Amino acid sequence: MQLNYHLKGSDFVNAGKASSAVKGVLKQLGVAPSLIKRVVVALYEAEVNVAAHAEGGEIGVTIGAEQVRIVVSDRGPGISDIEQAMKAGFSTASKEVREMGFGAGMGLPNIKKNSDSFHITSNPGEGTTVIITNKLT
C-alpha cells in the first residue's frame, strides 16, 4: 500500500495529519501498538521538521507485509552538518518556532531512535531527505 502526503512549510496546524492517517491504517491492519507508536513518532517528528525548517515537502509511505518505509523529502535550507544536527538538543529552529513549543533539537534523534533503519541526506540550499524503515514483525 502506498500513501502520499504533501506538506507546507510553517503549517503546524496540519503537521501530524500524515502520521495520524498512517496510525489509523496500521491499526486497521492489526499491527502491534508498540510498533505503531514507533512509526508514528518517527513520522510525526519528520512532519514537524518540514513545517519548522522548509518551504514544503513530500511524504511517501509504503506499507508492506513486513515493513513500513517512509521517505520524507523537503525543499528547504538543507543541513550543512548532519552529525551536529543529530545531537540531542541541537536546533536551528527560529525563535517563533521555539515559542510555539517546537524546535527543541530532538526531532532527528527521535526519528533515529524510533526507526529500525534511518538514512538522511541533505544538500545545503536545496533540501533534505530522510528514509525511515520499521519492521512490522
N, C-alpha and C. Protein backbone atom coordinates (compact mmCIF):
# COMPACT_ATOMS: atom_id res chain seq x y z
N MET A 1 0.85 -1.17 0.00
CA MET A 1 0.00 0.00 0.00
C MET A 1 0.89 1.23 0.00
N GLN A 2 0.57 2.18 -0.85
CA GLN A 2 1.34 3.42 -0.94
C GLN A 2 0.46 4.60 -0.55
N LEU A 3 0.95 5.42 0.37
CA LEU A 3 0.26 6.62 0.81
C LEU A 3 1.19 7.81 0.57
N ASN A 4 0.63 8.90 0.04
CA ASN A 4 1.44 10.08 -0.26
C ASN A 4 0.79 11.32 0.35
N TYR A 5 1.63 12.20 0.86
CA TYR A 5 1.16 13.41 1.51
C TYR A 5 2.04 14.58 1.09
N HIS A 6 1.46 15.76 1.04
CA HIS A 6 2.18 16.99 0.74
C HIS A 6 2.17 17.86 1.99
N LEU A 7 3.31 18.45 2.31
CA LEU A 7 3.44 19.31 3.48
C LEU A 7 3.80 20.73 3.04
N LYS A 8 3.26 21.70 3.76
CA LYS A 8 3.62 23.10 3.52
C LYS A 8 4.49 23.58 4.68
N GLY A 9 5.48 24.37 4.37
CA GLY A 9 6.31 24.94 5.41
C GLY A 9 5.50 25.85 6.32
N SER A 10 5.84 25.89 7.58
CA SER A 10 5.19 26.71 8.61
C SER A 10 3.74 26.31 8.89
N ASP A 11 3.29 25.19 8.36
CA ASP A 11 1.90 24.74 8.57
C ASP A 11 1.85 23.76 9.74
N PHE A 12 1.89 24.30 10.94
CA PHE A 12 1.87 23.46 12.13
C PHE A 12 0.48 22.91 12.44
N VAL A 13 -0.54 23.50 11.84
CA VAL A 13 -1.90 23.01 12.03
C VAL A 13 -2.05 21.63 11.39
N ASN A 14 -1.45 21.45 10.23
CA ASN A 14 -1.58 20.18 9.51
C ASN A 14 -0.42 19.22 9.71
N ALA A 15 0.67 19.69 10.33
CA ALA A 15 1.78 18.78 10.64
C ALA A 15 1.25 17.76 11.63
N GLY A 16 1.36 16.52 11.29
CA GLY A 16 0.83 15.45 12.13
C GLY A 16 -0.33 14.71 11.49
N LYS A 17 -0.89 15.27 10.44
CA LYS A 17 -2.02 14.60 9.78
C LYS A 17 -1.59 13.32 9.08
N ALA A 18 -0.41 13.32 8.49
CA ALA A 18 0.07 12.10 7.82
C ALA A 18 0.31 11.01 8.86
N SER A 19 0.97 11.34 9.97
CA SER A 19 1.24 10.33 10.99
C SER A 19 -0.06 9.81 11.59
N SER A 20 -1.05 10.67 11.74
CA SER A 20 -2.35 10.23 12.25
C SER A 20 -3.04 9.28 11.28
N ALA A 21 -2.98 9.60 10.00
CA ALA A 21 -3.60 8.74 8.98
C ALA A 21 -2.89 7.38 8.91
N VAL A 22 -1.57 7.39 8.97
CA VAL A 22 -0.80 6.14 8.93
C VAL A 22 -1.12 5.31 10.17
N LYS A 23 -1.26 5.95 11.31
CA LYS A 23 -1.62 5.24 12.54
C LYS A 23 -2.95 4.51 12.35
N GLY A 24 -3.92 5.17 11.75
CA GLY A 24 -5.22 4.55 11.51
C GLY A 24 -5.13 3.34 10.60
N VAL A 25 -4.34 3.45 9.54
CA VAL A 25 -4.17 2.34 8.61
C VAL A 25 -3.50 1.16 9.30
N LEU A 26 -2.44 1.44 10.06
CA LEU A 26 -1.73 0.36 10.75
C LEU A 26 -2.63 -0.33 11.79
N LYS A 27 -3.47 0.45 12.47
CA LYS A 27 -4.42 -0.14 13.42
C LYS A 27 -5.37 -1.08 12.68
N GLN A 28 -5.90 -0.63 11.54
CA GLN A 28 -6.82 -1.46 10.76
C GLN A 28 -6.15 -2.75 10.29
N LEU A 29 -4.86 -2.68 10.04
CA LEU A 29 -4.12 -3.86 9.59
C LEU A 29 -3.74 -4.78 10.74
N GLY A 30 -4.02 -4.37 11.96
CA GLY A 30 -3.74 -5.21 13.12
C GLY A 30 -2.30 -5.21 13.58
N VAL A 31 -1.56 -4.16 13.24
CA VAL A 31 -0.17 -4.05 13.66
C VAL A 31 -0.13 -3.80 15.17
N ALA A 32 0.85 -4.37 15.83
CA ALA A 32 1.00 -4.24 17.28
C ALA A 32 1.14 -2.76 17.68
N PRO A 33 0.45 -2.36 18.75
CA PRO A 33 0.51 -0.95 19.19
C PRO A 33 1.93 -0.44 19.42
N SER A 34 2.82 -1.27 19.94
CA SER A 34 4.20 -0.81 20.19
C SER A 34 4.92 -0.47 18.89
N LEU A 35 4.62 -1.21 17.83
CA LEU A 35 5.23 -0.93 16.53
C LEU A 35 4.60 0.31 15.89
N ILE A 36 3.29 0.44 16.05
CA ILE A 36 2.59 1.62 15.52
C ILE A 36 3.18 2.88 16.16
N LYS A 37 3.40 2.84 17.46
CA LYS A 37 3.92 4.00 18.17
C LYS A 37 5.26 4.44 17.60
N ARG A 38 6.15 3.51 17.34
CA ARG A 38 7.47 3.85 16.79
C ARG A 38 7.34 4.52 15.42
N VAL A 39 6.49 3.95 14.57
CA VAL A 39 6.29 4.50 13.23
C VAL A 39 5.73 5.92 13.33
N VAL A 40 4.71 6.08 14.15
CA VAL A 40 4.02 7.36 14.27
C VAL A 40 4.93 8.43 14.87
N VAL A 41 5.71 8.10 15.88
CA VAL A 41 6.62 9.08 16.47
C VAL A 41 7.65 9.54 15.44
N ALA A 42 8.25 8.60 14.73
CA ALA A 42 9.26 8.96 13.72
C ALA A 42 8.65 9.84 12.62
N LEU A 43 7.47 9.47 12.13
CA LEU A 43 6.84 10.24 11.07
C LEU A 43 6.42 11.62 11.56
N TYR A 44 5.84 11.69 12.75
CA TYR A 44 5.42 12.99 13.28
C TYR A 44 6.61 13.94 13.42
N GLU A 45 7.71 13.45 13.95
CA GLU A 45 8.91 14.29 14.10
C GLU A 45 9.38 14.80 12.73
N ALA A 46 9.30 13.95 11.72
CA ALA A 46 9.71 14.37 10.38
C ALA A 46 8.76 15.43 9.83
N GLU A 47 7.46 15.26 10.07
CA GLU A 47 6.49 16.26 9.62
C GLU A 47 6.75 17.62 10.27
N VAL A 48 7.00 17.62 11.56
CA VAL A 48 7.26 18.88 12.27
C VAL A 48 8.54 19.52 11.76
N ASN A 49 9.55 18.71 11.46
CA ASN A 49 10.79 19.28 10.92
C ASN A 49 10.54 20.00 9.60
N VAL A 50 9.71 19.43 8.74
CA VAL A 50 9.39 20.09 7.47
C VAL A 50 8.67 21.41 7.75
N ALA A 51 7.67 21.37 8.63
CA ALA A 51 6.93 22.60 8.95
C ALA A 51 7.85 23.67 9.54
N ALA A 52 8.79 23.25 10.37
CA ALA A 52 9.67 24.20 11.06
C ALA A 52 10.78 24.76 10.20
N HIS A 53 11.27 23.97 9.25
CA HIS A 53 12.50 24.37 8.56
C HIS A 53 12.41 24.54 7.05
N ALA A 54 11.38 24.04 6.42
CA ALA A 54 11.36 24.01 4.95
C ALA A 54 10.20 24.80 4.36
N GLU A 55 10.28 25.03 3.06
CA GLU A 55 9.19 25.66 2.32
C GLU A 55 8.04 24.67 2.11
N GLY A 56 8.37 23.41 2.10
CA GLY A 56 7.38 22.36 1.91
C GLY A 56 8.08 21.05 1.67
N GLY A 57 7.28 20.01 1.49
CA GLY A 57 7.88 18.70 1.26
C GLY A 57 6.86 17.65 0.91
N GLU A 58 7.37 16.47 0.66
CA GLU A 58 6.54 15.32 0.28
C GLU A 58 6.86 14.15 1.19
N ILE A 59 5.82 13.38 1.48
CA ILE A 59 5.98 12.16 2.27
C ILE A 59 5.42 11.00 1.45
N GLY A 60 6.20 9.95 1.35
CA GLY A 60 5.73 8.71 0.74
C GLY A 60 5.84 7.60 1.77
N VAL A 61 4.74 6.91 2.01
CA VAL A 61 4.71 5.83 2.98
C VAL A 61 4.34 4.55 2.26
N THR A 62 5.20 3.56 2.33
CA THR A 62 4.92 2.27 1.73
C THR A 62 4.74 1.27 2.86
N ILE A 63 3.55 0.68 2.93
CA ILE A 63 3.23 -0.30 3.96
C ILE A 63 3.19 -1.67 3.31
N GLY A 64 4.11 -2.52 3.70
CA GLY A 64 4.16 -3.88 3.18
C GLY A 64 3.81 -4.87 4.27
N ALA A 65 3.90 -6.12 3.95
CA ALA A 65 3.57 -7.17 4.91
C ALA A 65 4.58 -7.22 6.06
N GLU A 66 5.83 -6.84 5.77
CA GLU A 66 6.88 -6.98 6.78
C GLU A 66 7.46 -5.66 7.28
N GLN A 67 7.20 -4.55 6.57
CA GLN A 67 7.80 -3.29 6.99
C GLN A 67 7.02 -2.09 6.50
N VAL A 68 7.31 -0.96 7.15
CA VAL A 68 6.84 0.35 6.70
C VAL A 68 8.07 1.14 6.29
N ARG A 69 8.03 1.70 5.10
CA ARG A 69 9.13 2.54 4.62
C ARG A 69 8.58 3.93 4.37
N ILE A 70 9.22 4.91 4.98
CA ILE A 70 8.79 6.30 4.87
C ILE A 70 9.91 7.12 4.25
N VAL A 71 9.57 7.89 3.24
CA VAL A 71 10.53 8.81 2.62
C VAL A 71 9.95 10.22 2.75
N VAL A 72 10.69 11.08 3.44
CA VAL A 72 10.29 12.47 3.61
C VAL A 72 11.34 13.33 2.92
N SER A 73 10.92 14.07 1.91
CA SER A 73 11.83 14.96 1.18
C SER A 73 11.31 16.38 1.29
N ASP A 74 12.19 17.30 1.65
CA ASP A 74 11.74 18.69 1.76
C ASP A 74 12.51 19.61 0.84
N ARG A 75 11.92 20.78 0.64
CA ARG A 75 12.55 21.87 -0.10
C ARG A 75 12.85 22.95 0.93
N GLY A 76 14.07 22.91 1.42
CA GLY A 76 14.44 23.83 2.48
C GLY A 76 15.90 24.19 2.42
N PRO A 77 16.41 24.72 3.52
CA PRO A 77 17.80 25.17 3.54
C PRO A 77 18.82 24.05 3.54
N GLY A 78 18.38 22.84 3.80
CA GLY A 78 19.31 21.73 3.91
C GLY A 78 20.05 21.78 5.25
N ILE A 79 20.83 20.75 5.47
CA ILE A 79 21.59 20.64 6.72
C ILE A 79 23.07 20.59 6.35
N SER A 80 23.82 21.57 6.81
CA SER A 80 25.23 21.63 6.44
C SER A 80 26.09 20.65 7.23
N ASP A 81 25.67 20.33 8.47
CA ASP A 81 26.44 19.42 9.31
C ASP A 81 25.48 18.40 9.93
N ILE A 82 25.29 17.29 9.25
CA ILE A 82 24.34 16.28 9.70
C ILE A 82 24.75 15.70 11.05
N GLU A 83 26.03 15.48 11.26
CA GLU A 83 26.49 14.93 12.53
C GLU A 83 26.08 15.82 13.70
N GLN A 84 26.25 17.12 13.54
CA GLN A 84 25.86 18.06 14.59
C GLN A 84 24.33 18.07 14.75
N ALA A 85 23.60 18.04 13.63
CA ALA A 85 22.13 18.06 13.68
C ALA A 85 21.56 16.83 14.38
N MET A 86 22.30 15.74 14.39
CA MET A 86 21.85 14.51 15.04
C MET A 86 22.05 14.53 16.55
N LYS A 87 22.72 15.52 17.08
CA LYS A 87 22.95 15.60 18.52
C LYS A 87 21.71 16.12 19.23
N ALA A 88 21.30 15.41 20.26
CA ALA A 88 20.14 15.82 21.05
C ALA A 88 20.34 17.23 21.57
N GLY A 89 19.34 18.07 21.36
CA GLY A 89 19.38 19.44 21.85
C GLY A 89 19.86 20.46 20.84
N PHE A 90 20.48 20.01 19.74
CA PHE A 90 20.93 20.96 18.72
C PHE A 90 19.73 21.36 17.86
N SER A 91 19.55 22.64 17.66
CA SER A 91 18.43 23.12 16.86
C SER A 91 18.78 24.39 16.12
N THR A 92 18.26 24.51 14.92
CA THR A 92 18.36 25.75 14.16
C THR A 92 16.99 26.39 13.99
N ALA A 93 16.02 25.93 14.78
CA ALA A 93 14.66 26.47 14.69
C ALA A 93 14.64 27.95 15.05
N SER A 94 13.75 28.67 14.39
CA SER A 94 13.61 30.11 14.65
C SER A 94 13.00 30.35 16.03
N LYS A 95 13.12 31.57 16.49
CA LYS A 95 12.54 31.96 17.76
C LYS A 95 11.03 31.71 17.75
N GLU A 96 10.37 32.03 16.65
CA GLU A 96 8.92 31.85 16.54
C GLU A 96 8.53 30.38 16.67
N VAL A 97 9.30 29.49 16.05
CA VAL A 97 9.03 28.06 16.13
C VAL A 97 9.22 27.57 17.57
N ARG A 98 10.25 28.04 18.22
CA ARG A 98 10.50 27.65 19.61
C ARG A 98 9.41 28.15 20.55
N GLU A 99 8.91 29.34 20.27
CA GLU A 99 7.84 29.90 21.11
C GLU A 99 6.55 29.09 20.99
N MET A 100 6.38 28.36 19.88
CA MET A 100 5.21 27.50 19.70
C MET A 100 5.40 26.15 20.38
N GLY A 101 6.60 25.91 20.93
CA GLY A 101 6.86 24.66 21.63
C GLY A 101 7.57 23.61 20.79
N PHE A 102 8.01 24.01 19.61
CA PHE A 102 8.76 23.10 18.74
C PHE A 102 10.22 23.53 18.72
N GLY A 103 11.06 22.76 18.02
CA GLY A 103 12.44 23.17 17.84
C GLY A 103 13.36 22.93 19.01
N ALA A 104 13.08 21.89 19.79
CA ALA A 104 13.92 21.60 20.96
C ALA A 104 15.17 20.80 20.60
N GLY A 105 15.32 20.47 19.33
CA GLY A 105 16.51 19.73 18.92
C GLY A 105 16.43 18.24 19.17
N MET A 106 15.22 17.71 19.26
CA MET A 106 15.05 16.27 19.49
C MET A 106 14.46 15.54 18.28
N GLY A 107 14.10 16.27 17.24
CA GLY A 107 13.44 15.67 16.09
C GLY A 107 14.24 14.57 15.42
N LEU A 108 15.41 14.89 14.92
CA LEU A 108 16.21 13.86 14.23
C LEU A 108 16.64 12.74 15.18
N PRO A 109 17.10 13.05 16.40
CA PRO A 109 17.41 11.94 17.32
C PRO A 109 16.21 11.04 17.60
N ASN A 110 15.01 11.62 17.73
CA ASN A 110 13.82 10.81 17.97
C ASN A 110 13.44 9.97 16.76
N ILE A 111 13.64 10.52 15.57
CA ILE A 111 13.36 9.74 14.36
C ILE A 111 14.28 8.51 14.34
N LYS A 112 15.57 8.75 14.57
CA LYS A 112 16.52 7.63 14.56
C LYS A 112 16.19 6.61 15.65
N LYS A 113 15.88 7.09 16.85
CA LYS A 113 15.56 6.21 17.97
C LYS A 113 14.34 5.32 17.69
N ASN A 114 13.39 5.83 16.92
CA ASN A 114 12.15 5.10 16.65
C ASN A 114 12.13 4.44 15.28
N SER A 115 13.30 4.25 14.69
CA SER A 115 13.42 3.61 13.38
C SER A 115 14.31 2.37 13.48
N ASP A 116 13.96 1.36 12.72
CA ASP A 116 14.86 0.21 12.61
C ASP A 116 16.01 0.54 11.67
N SER A 117 15.72 1.39 10.69
CA SER A 117 16.73 1.85 9.74
C SER A 117 16.46 3.33 9.48
N PHE A 118 17.52 4.14 9.50
CA PHE A 118 17.39 5.58 9.34
C PHE A 118 18.52 6.06 8.43
N HIS A 119 18.16 6.82 7.41
CA HIS A 119 19.16 7.36 6.50
C HIS A 119 18.77 8.80 6.17
N ILE A 120 19.74 9.69 6.22
CA ILE A 120 19.48 11.10 5.93
C ILE A 120 20.52 11.62 4.94
N THR A 121 20.04 12.35 3.94
CA THR A 121 20.92 13.04 3.01
C THR A 121 20.43 14.47 2.92
N SER A 122 21.36 15.39 2.69
CA SER A 122 20.98 16.79 2.63
C SER A 122 21.93 17.55 1.73
N ASN A 123 21.35 18.48 0.99
CA ASN A 123 22.13 19.37 0.14
C ASN A 123 21.82 20.80 0.57
N PRO A 124 22.78 21.48 1.20
CA PRO A 124 22.53 22.85 1.62
C PRO A 124 22.01 23.71 0.47
N GLY A 125 20.95 24.45 0.75
CA GLY A 125 20.33 25.30 -0.26
C GLY A 125 19.28 24.59 -1.09
N GLU A 126 19.15 23.28 -0.93
CA GLU A 126 18.19 22.51 -1.74
C GLU A 126 17.16 21.78 -0.89
N GLY A 127 17.63 21.07 0.14
CA GLY A 127 16.70 20.34 0.98
C GLY A 127 17.29 19.07 1.55
N THR A 128 16.43 18.33 2.23
CA THR A 128 16.83 17.14 2.97
C THR A 128 15.89 16.00 2.69
N THR A 129 16.42 14.79 2.64
CA THR A 129 15.61 13.58 2.50
C THR A 129 15.95 12.64 3.65
N VAL A 130 14.90 12.16 4.30
CA VAL A 130 15.03 11.20 5.38
C VAL A 130 14.30 9.93 4.97
N ILE A 131 14.96 8.79 5.12
CA ILE A 131 14.34 7.49 4.83
C ILE A 131 14.30 6.71 6.14
N ILE A 132 13.08 6.32 6.51
CA ILE A 132 12.82 5.62 7.77
C ILE A 132 12.22 4.27 7.43
N THR A 133 12.76 3.22 8.01
CA THR A 133 12.18 1.90 7.82
C THR A 133 11.94 1.25 9.17
N ASN A 134 10.75 0.70 9.33
CA ASN A 134 10.40 -0.02 10.54
C ASN A 134 9.83 -1.38 10.17
N LYS A 135 10.33 -2.42 10.82
CA LYS A 135 9.81 -3.77 10.62
C LYS A 135 8.49 -3.90 11.34
N LEU A 136 7.57 -4.66 10.77
CA LEU A 136 6.26 -4.87 11.39
C LEU A 136 6.14 -6.22 12.07
N THR A 137 7.22 -6.96 12.11
CA THR A 137 7.18 -8.28 12.72
C THR A 137 8.14 -8.38 13.89
